[in-house]
C-alpha atoms as a PDB file:
ATOM      1  CA  UNK A   1     -38.570 116.975-108.796  1.00  0.00           C
ATOM      2  CA  UNK A   2     -38.742 119.138-111.897  1.00  0.00           C
ATOM      3  CA  UNK A   3     -36.959 122.107-113.440  1.00  0.00           C
ATOM      4  CA  UNK A   4     -39.097 124.874-114.928  1.00  0.00           C
ATOM      5  CA  UNK A   5     -39.207 128.616-115.595  1.00  0.00           C
ATOM      6  CA  UNK A   6     -39.958 130.672-112.496  1.00  0.00           C
ATOM      7  CA  UNK A   7     -43.120 132.760-112.276  1.00  0.00           C
ATOM      8  CA  UNK A   8     -43.919 135.797-110.085  1.00  0.00           C
ATOM      9  CA  UNK A   9     -45.835 133.384-107.837  1.00  0.00           C
ATOM     10  CA  UNK A  10     -42.477 131.799-106.911  1.00  0.00           C
ATOM     11  CA  UNK A  11     -41.135 135.032-105.384  1.00  0.00           C
ATOM     12  CA  UNK A  12     -41.658 134.061-101.731  1.00  0.00           C
ATOM     13  CA  UNK A  13     -40.040 130.636-102.165  1.00  0.00           C
ATOM     14  CA  UNK A  14     -37.105 132.084-104.112  1.00  0.00           C
ATOM     15  CA  UNK A  15     -36.535 134.670-101.383  1.00  0.00           C
ATOM     16  CA  UNK A  16     -36.336 131.827 -98.838  1.00  0.00           C
ATOM     17  CA  UNK A  17     -33.910 129.854-101.027  1.00  0.00           C
ATOM     18  CA  UNK A  18     -31.800 132.962-101.595  1.00  0.00           C
ATOM     19  CA  UNK A  19     -31.551 133.879 -97.894  1.00  0.00           C
ATOM     20  CA  UNK A  20     -31.122 130.374 -96.459  1.00  0.00           C
ATOM     21  CA  UNK A  21     -28.492 129.492 -99.043  1.00  0.00           C
ATOM     22  CA  UNK A  22     -26.543 132.696 -98.401  1.00  0.00           C
ATOM     23  CA  UNK A  23     -26.647 131.997 -94.664  1.00  0.00           C
ATOM     24  CA  UNK A  24     -25.336 128.451 -95.117  1.00  0.00           C
ATOM     25  CA  UNK A  25     -22.869 129.079 -97.935  1.00  0.00           C
ATOM     26  CA  UNK A  26     -21.288 132.316 -96.815  1.00  0.00           C
ATOM     27  CA  UNK A  27     -20.957 131.653 -93.064  1.00  0.00           C
ATOM     28  CA  UNK A  28     -17.321 132.401 -92.296  1.00  0.00           C
ATOM     29  CA  UNK A  29     -16.913 134.295 -95.588  1.00  0.00           C
ATOM     30  CA  UNK A  30     -19.030 137.371 -94.857  1.00  0.00           C
ATOM     31  CA  UNK A  31     -19.870 139.089 -91.559  1.00  0.00           C
ATOM     32  CA  UNK A  32     -22.234 137.035 -89.415  1.00  0.00           C
ATOM     33  CA  UNK A  33     -24.320 140.065 -88.454  1.00  0.00           C
ATOM     34  CA  UNK A  34     -25.051 140.653 -92.136  1.00  0.00           C
ATOM     35  CA  UNK A  35     -26.128 137.035 -92.647  1.00  0.00           C
ATOM     36  CA  UNK A  36     -28.249 137.130 -89.492  1.00  0.00           C
ATOM     37  CA  UNK A  37     -30.023 140.257 -90.760  1.00  0.00           C
ATOM     38  CA  UNK A  38     -31.178 138.653 -94.017  1.00  0.00           C
ATOM     39  CA  UNK A  39     -34.961 138.302 -94.158  1.00  0.00           C
ATOM     40  CA  UNK A  40     -36.856 136.506 -96.939  1.00  0.00           C
ATOM     41  CA  UNK A  41     -39.854 138.837 -96.457  1.00  0.00           C
ATOM     42  CA  UNK A  42     -37.628 141.799 -97.328  1.00  0.00           C
ATOM     43  CA  UNK A  43     -36.308 140.081-100.474  1.00  0.00           C
ATOM     44  CA  UNK A  44     -39.678 138.878-101.763  1.00  0.00           C
ATOM     45  CA  UNK A  45     -40.772 142.184-103.393  1.00  0.00           C
ATOM     46  CA  UNK A  46     -37.508 142.389-105.344  1.00  0.00           C
ATOM     47  CA  UNK A  47     -37.979 138.801-106.525  1.00  0.00           C
ATOM     48  CA  UNK A  48     -41.588 139.481-107.533  1.00  0.00           C
ATOM     49  CA  UNK A  49     -40.521 142.541-109.529  1.00  0.00           C
ATOM     50  CA  UNK A  50     -37.584 140.744-111.130  1.00  0.00           C
ATOM     51  CA  UNK A  51     -39.739 137.807-112.216  1.00  0.00           C
ATOM     52  CA  UNK A  52     -42.511 140.038-113.586  1.00  0.00           C
ATOM     53  CA  UNK A  53     -40.057 141.985-115.746  1.00  0.00           C
ATOM     54  CA  UNK A  54     -37.836 139.215-117.050  1.00  0.00           C
ATOM     55  CA  UNK A  55     -37.433 138.894-120.811  1.00  0.00           C
ATOM     56  CA  UNK A  56     -35.356 136.529-122.959  1.00  0.00           C
ATOM     57  CA  UNK A  57     -32.586 135.661-123.079  1.00  0.00           C
ATOM     58  CA  UNK A  58     -32.714 136.202-119.313  1.00  0.00           C
ATOM     59  CA  UNK A  59     -34.460 133.516-117.271  1.00  0.00           C
ATOM     60  CA  UNK A  60     -34.813 132.144-113.792  1.00  0.00           C
ATOM     61  CA  UNK A  61     -35.012 128.367-113.732  1.00  0.00           C
ATOM     62  CA  UNK A  62     -36.271 126.684-110.577  1.00  0.00           C
ATOM     63  CA  UNK A  63     -35.864 123.191-109.169  1.00  0.00           C
ATOM     64  CA  UNK A  64     -39.144 122.175-107.547  1.00  0.00           C
ATOM     65  CA  UNK A  65     -39.544 119.735-104.708  1.00  0.00           C
ATOM     66  CA  UNK A  66     -42.146 117.008-105.025  1.00  0.00           C
ATOM     67  CA  UNK A  67     -44.855 119.489-103.944  1.00  0.00           C
ATOM     68  CA  UNK A  68     -44.049 122.016-106.678  1.00  0.00           C
ATOM     69  CA  UNK A  69     -42.239 124.461-104.360  1.00  0.00           C
ATOM     70  CA  UNK A  70     -38.882 125.854-105.565  1.00  0.00           C
ATOM     71  CA  UNK A  71     -35.924 124.587-103.530  1.00  0.00           C
ATOM     72  CA  UNK A  72     -33.258 125.911-105.895  1.00  0.00           C
ATOM     73  CA  UNK A  73     -32.806 128.344-108.764  1.00  0.00           C
ATOM     74  CA  UNK A  74     -30.457 129.535-111.479  1.00  0.00           C
ATOM     75  CA  UNK A  75     -30.653 133.153-112.650  1.00  0.00           C
ATOM     76  CA  UNK A  76     -29.427 133.565-116.227  1.00  0.00           C
ATOM     77  CA  UNK A  77     -28.710 136.621-118.350  1.00  0.00           C
ATOM     78  CA  UNK A  78     -26.443 138.209-120.913  1.00  0.00           C
ATOM     79  CA  UNK A  79     -22.967 138.848-119.539  1.00  0.00           C
ATOM     80  CA  UNK A  80     -22.832 141.863-117.230  1.00  0.00           C
ATOM     81  CA  UNK A  81     -19.232 142.277-118.379  1.00  0.00           C
ATOM     82  CA  UNK A  82     -20.291 143.513-121.829  1.00  0.00           C
ATOM     83  CA  UNK A  83     -18.941 140.582-123.812  1.00  0.00           C
ATOM     84  CA  UNK A  84     -20.919 139.871-126.987  1.00  0.00           C
ATOM     85  CA  UNK A  85     -22.087 136.290-127.376  1.00  0.00           C
ATOM     86  CA  UNK A  86     -21.497 135.477-123.707  1.00  0.00           C
ATOM     87  CA  UNK A  87     -24.244 134.463-121.292  1.00  0.00           C
ATOM     88  CA  UNK A  88     -23.934 134.496-117.541  1.00  0.00           C
ATOM     89  CA  UNK A  89     -25.141 132.455-114.641  1.00  0.00           C
ATOM     90  CA  UNK A  90     -25.778 135.381-112.303  1.00  0.00           C
ATOM     91  CA  UNK A  91     -26.745 133.087-109.416  1.00  0.00           C
ATOM     92  CA  UNK A  92     -27.285 129.415-108.740  1.00  0.00           C
ATOM     93  CA  UNK A  93     -28.523 128.416-105.292  1.00  0.00           C
ATOM     94  CA  UNK A  94     -30.002 125.295-103.759  1.00  0.00           C
ATOM     95  CA  UNK A  95     -31.308 124.803-100.224  1.00  0.00           C
ATOM     96  CA  UNK A  96     -28.573 123.090 -98.163  1.00  0.00           C
ATOM     97  CA  UNK A  97     -30.693 120.014 -97.405  1.00  0.00           C
ATOM     98  CA  UNK A  98     -30.636 119.242-101.157  1.00  0.00           C
ATOM     99  CA  UNK A  99     -26.842 119.526-101.575  1.00  0.00           C
ATOM    100  CA  UNK A 100     -25.051 116.393-102.723  1.00  0.00           C
ATOM    101  CA  UNK A 101     -28.137 114.744-104.247  1.00  0.00           C
ATOM    102  CA  UNK A 102     -27.672 115.680-107.908  1.00  0.00           C
ATOM    103  CA  UNK A 103     -30.116 118.603-107.929  1.00  0.00           C
ATOM    104  CA  UNK A 104     -27.322 121.155-108.365  1.00  0.00           C
ATOM    105  CA  UNK A 105     -25.859 119.250-111.303  1.00  0.00           C
ATOM    106  CA  UNK A 106     -29.302 118.983-112.934  1.00  0.00           C
ATOM    107  CA  UNK A 107     -29.973 122.685-112.403  1.00  0.00           C
ATOM    108  CA  UNK A 108     -26.543 123.572-113.821  1.00  0.00           C
ATOM    109  CA  UNK A 109     -27.140 121.368-116.881  1.00  0.00           C
ATOM    110  CA  UNK A 110     -30.540 123.012-117.480  1.00  0.00           C
ATOM    111  CA  UNK A 111     -28.957 126.464-117.118  1.00  0.00           C
ATOM    112  CA  UNK A 112     -26.241 125.623-119.662  1.00  0.00           C
ATOM    113  CA  UNK A 113     -28.816 124.223-122.103  1.00  0.00           C
ATOM    114  CA  UNK A 114     -30.882 127.394-121.752  1.00  0.00           C
ATOM    115  CA  UNK A 115     -27.885 129.652-122.427  1.00  0.00           C
ATOM    116  CA  UNK A 116     -26.784 127.544-125.403  1.00  0.00           C
ATOM    117  CA  UNK A 117     -30.344 127.525-126.769  1.00  0.00           C
ATOM    118  CA  UNK A 118     -30.418 131.323-126.450  1.00  0.00           C
ATOM    119  CA  UNK A 119     -27.466 131.453-128.862  1.00  0.00           C
ATOM    120  CA  UNK A 120     -24.595 132.118-126.485  1.00  0.00           C
ATOM    121  CA  UNK A 121     -21.281 130.461-127.380  1.00  0.00           C
ATOM    122  CA  UNK A 122     -19.732 130.902-123.941  1.00  0.00           C
ATOM    123  CA  UNK A 123     -20.884 131.499-120.394  1.00  0.00           C
ATOM    124  CA  UNK A 124     -19.369 133.096-117.330  1.00  0.00           C
ATOM    125  CA  UNK A 125     -20.156 133.231-113.651  1.00  0.00           C
ATOM    126  CA  UNK A 126     -18.635 135.002-110.666  1.00  0.00           C
ATOM    127  CA  UNK A 127     -17.843 133.125-107.463  1.00  0.00           C
ATOM    128  CA  UNK A 128     -16.486 134.192-104.108  1.00  0.00           C
ATOM    129  CA  UNK A 129     -12.796 133.351-104.295  1.00  0.00           C
ATOM    130  CA  UNK A 130     -12.818 131.774-100.844  1.00  0.00           C
ATOM    131  CA  UNK A 131     -15.829 129.540-101.614  1.00  0.00           C
ATOM    132  CA  UNK A 132     -13.906 126.324-102.191  1.00  0.00           C
ATOM    133  CA  UNK A 133     -17.035 124.124-102.231  1.00  0.00           C
ATOM    134  CA  UNK A 134     -18.651 126.145-105.044  1.00  0.00           C
ATOM    135  CA  UNK A 135     -15.423 126.338-106.997  1.00  0.00           C
ATOM    136  CA  UNK A 136     -15.059 122.522-106.895  1.00  0.00           C
ATOM    137  CA  UNK A 137     -18.688 122.188-108.055  1.00  0.00           C
ATOM    138  CA  UNK A 138     -18.105 124.552-111.010  1.00  0.00           C
ATOM    139  CA  UNK A 139     -14.837 122.904-111.991  1.00  0.00           C
ATOM    140  CA  UNK A 140     -16.507 119.481-111.972  1.00  0.00           C
ATOM    141  CA  UNK A 141     -19.058 120.946-114.415  1.00  0.00           C
ATOM    142  CA  UNK A 142     -16.341 122.059-116.854  1.00  0.00           C
ATOM    143  CA  UNK A 143     -15.884 125.657-115.684  1.00  0.00           C
ATOM    144  CA  UNK A 144     -12.403 127.175-115.379  1.00  0.00           C
ATOM    145  CA  UNK A 145     -11.134 130.460-113.890  1.00  0.00           C
ATOM    146  CA  UNK A 146     -10.371 132.860-116.743  1.00  0.00           C
ATOM    147  CA  UNK A 147      -8.043 135.192-114.813  1.00  0.00           C
ATOM    148  CA  UNK A 148     -10.572 137.978-114.129  1.00  0.00           C
ATOM    149  CA  UNK A 149     -11.301 139.090-110.612  1.00  0.00           C
ATOM    150  CA  UNK A 150     -13.101 141.898-108.842  1.00  0.00           C
ATOM    151  CA  UNK A 151     -13.984 143.134-105.390  1.00  0.00           C
ATOM    152  CA  UNK A 152     -17.689 143.756-104.782  1.00  0.00           C
ATOM    153  CA  UNK A 153     -18.198 146.379-102.057  1.00  0.00           C
ATOM    154  CA  UNK A 154     -21.945 146.789-102.629  1.00  0.00           C
ATOM    155  CA  UNK A 155     -22.888 144.984 -99.390  1.00  0.00           C
ATOM    156  CA  UNK A 156     -20.797 147.250 -97.164  1.00  0.00           C
ATOM    157  CA  UNK A 157     -17.869 144.832 -96.948  1.00  0.00           C
ATOM    158  CA  UNK A 158     -15.474 143.517 -99.600  1.00  0.00           C
ATOM    159  CA  UNK A 159     -16.223 140.292-101.465  1.00  0.00           C
ATOM    160  CA  UNK A 160     -13.308 139.145-103.627  1.00  0.00           C
ATOM    161  CA  UNK A 161     -14.720 137.300-106.624  1.00  0.00           C
ATOM    162  CA  UNK A 162     -13.194 135.195-109.376  1.00  0.00           C
ATOM    163  CA  UNK A 163     -14.728 134.799-112.833  1.00  0.00           C
ATOM    164  CA  UNK A 164     -15.199 131.337-114.327  1.00  0.00           C
ATOM    165  CA  UNK A 165     -15.863 130.602-118.000  1.00  0.00           C
ATOM    166  CA  UNK A 166     -16.816 127.685-120.205  1.00  0.00           C
ATOM    167  CA  UNK A 167     -17.839 127.048-123.777  1.00  0.00           C
ATOM    168  CA  UNK A 168     -21.392 126.089-124.648  1.00  0.00           C
ATOM    169  CA  UNK A 169     -20.768 124.373-127.992  1.00  0.00           C
ATOM    170  CA  UNK A 170     -19.547 121.204-126.337  1.00  0.00           C
ATOM    171  CA  UNK A 171     -21.066 118.331-124.372  1.00  0.00           C
ATOM    172  CA  UNK A 172     -24.292 118.208-126.379  1.00  0.00           C
ATOM    173  CA  UNK A 173     -25.675 121.502-125.065  1.00  0.00           C
ATOM    174  CA  UNK A 174     -26.879 122.781-128.410  1.00  0.00           C
ATOM    175  CA  UNK A 175     -29.827 121.119-130.104  1.00  0.00           C
ATOM    176  CA  UNK A 176     -28.774 119.177-133.176  1.00  0.00           C
ATOM    177  CA  UNK A 177     -30.547 119.268-136.516  1.00  0.00           C
ATOM    178  CA  UNK A 178     -32.494 116.093-137.404  1.00  0.00           C
END
């Protein structure tokens, strides 16, 4: 398994990861009819467009299986909250059959290294407040809730989210001078 930058050719696989992970992760948190309606074929064009137009410091890192097919990804960008010097993990998803095997931790570490290398001093991410599994994962990786919250109604139902934050100057994330 390897972590690399995504390319537009990864769009179909990323759409599958995105949909299957939503269906597994958010069952019981969002309406089942919404999850059942998700279709990777409908998400693929958006992924293809997103990957074709990405420019630094934004990135999509993928975790490939042994055959070179993405089974997880981390979408990275400048903070959508308008904070200077803050990067954001906009999404991090891994197919459920790869949970608990270290792939998520490796993908998170690569995402943090990328953000630190892009010059960000801190990073944030938003997580569904009721997603206890994800919150434990983030906290184990050094993330902490920073007190911000919001309700996302863009899907036609409310999603109460909590913002997490962590510094990027610690834990050897920044390259050191020789």
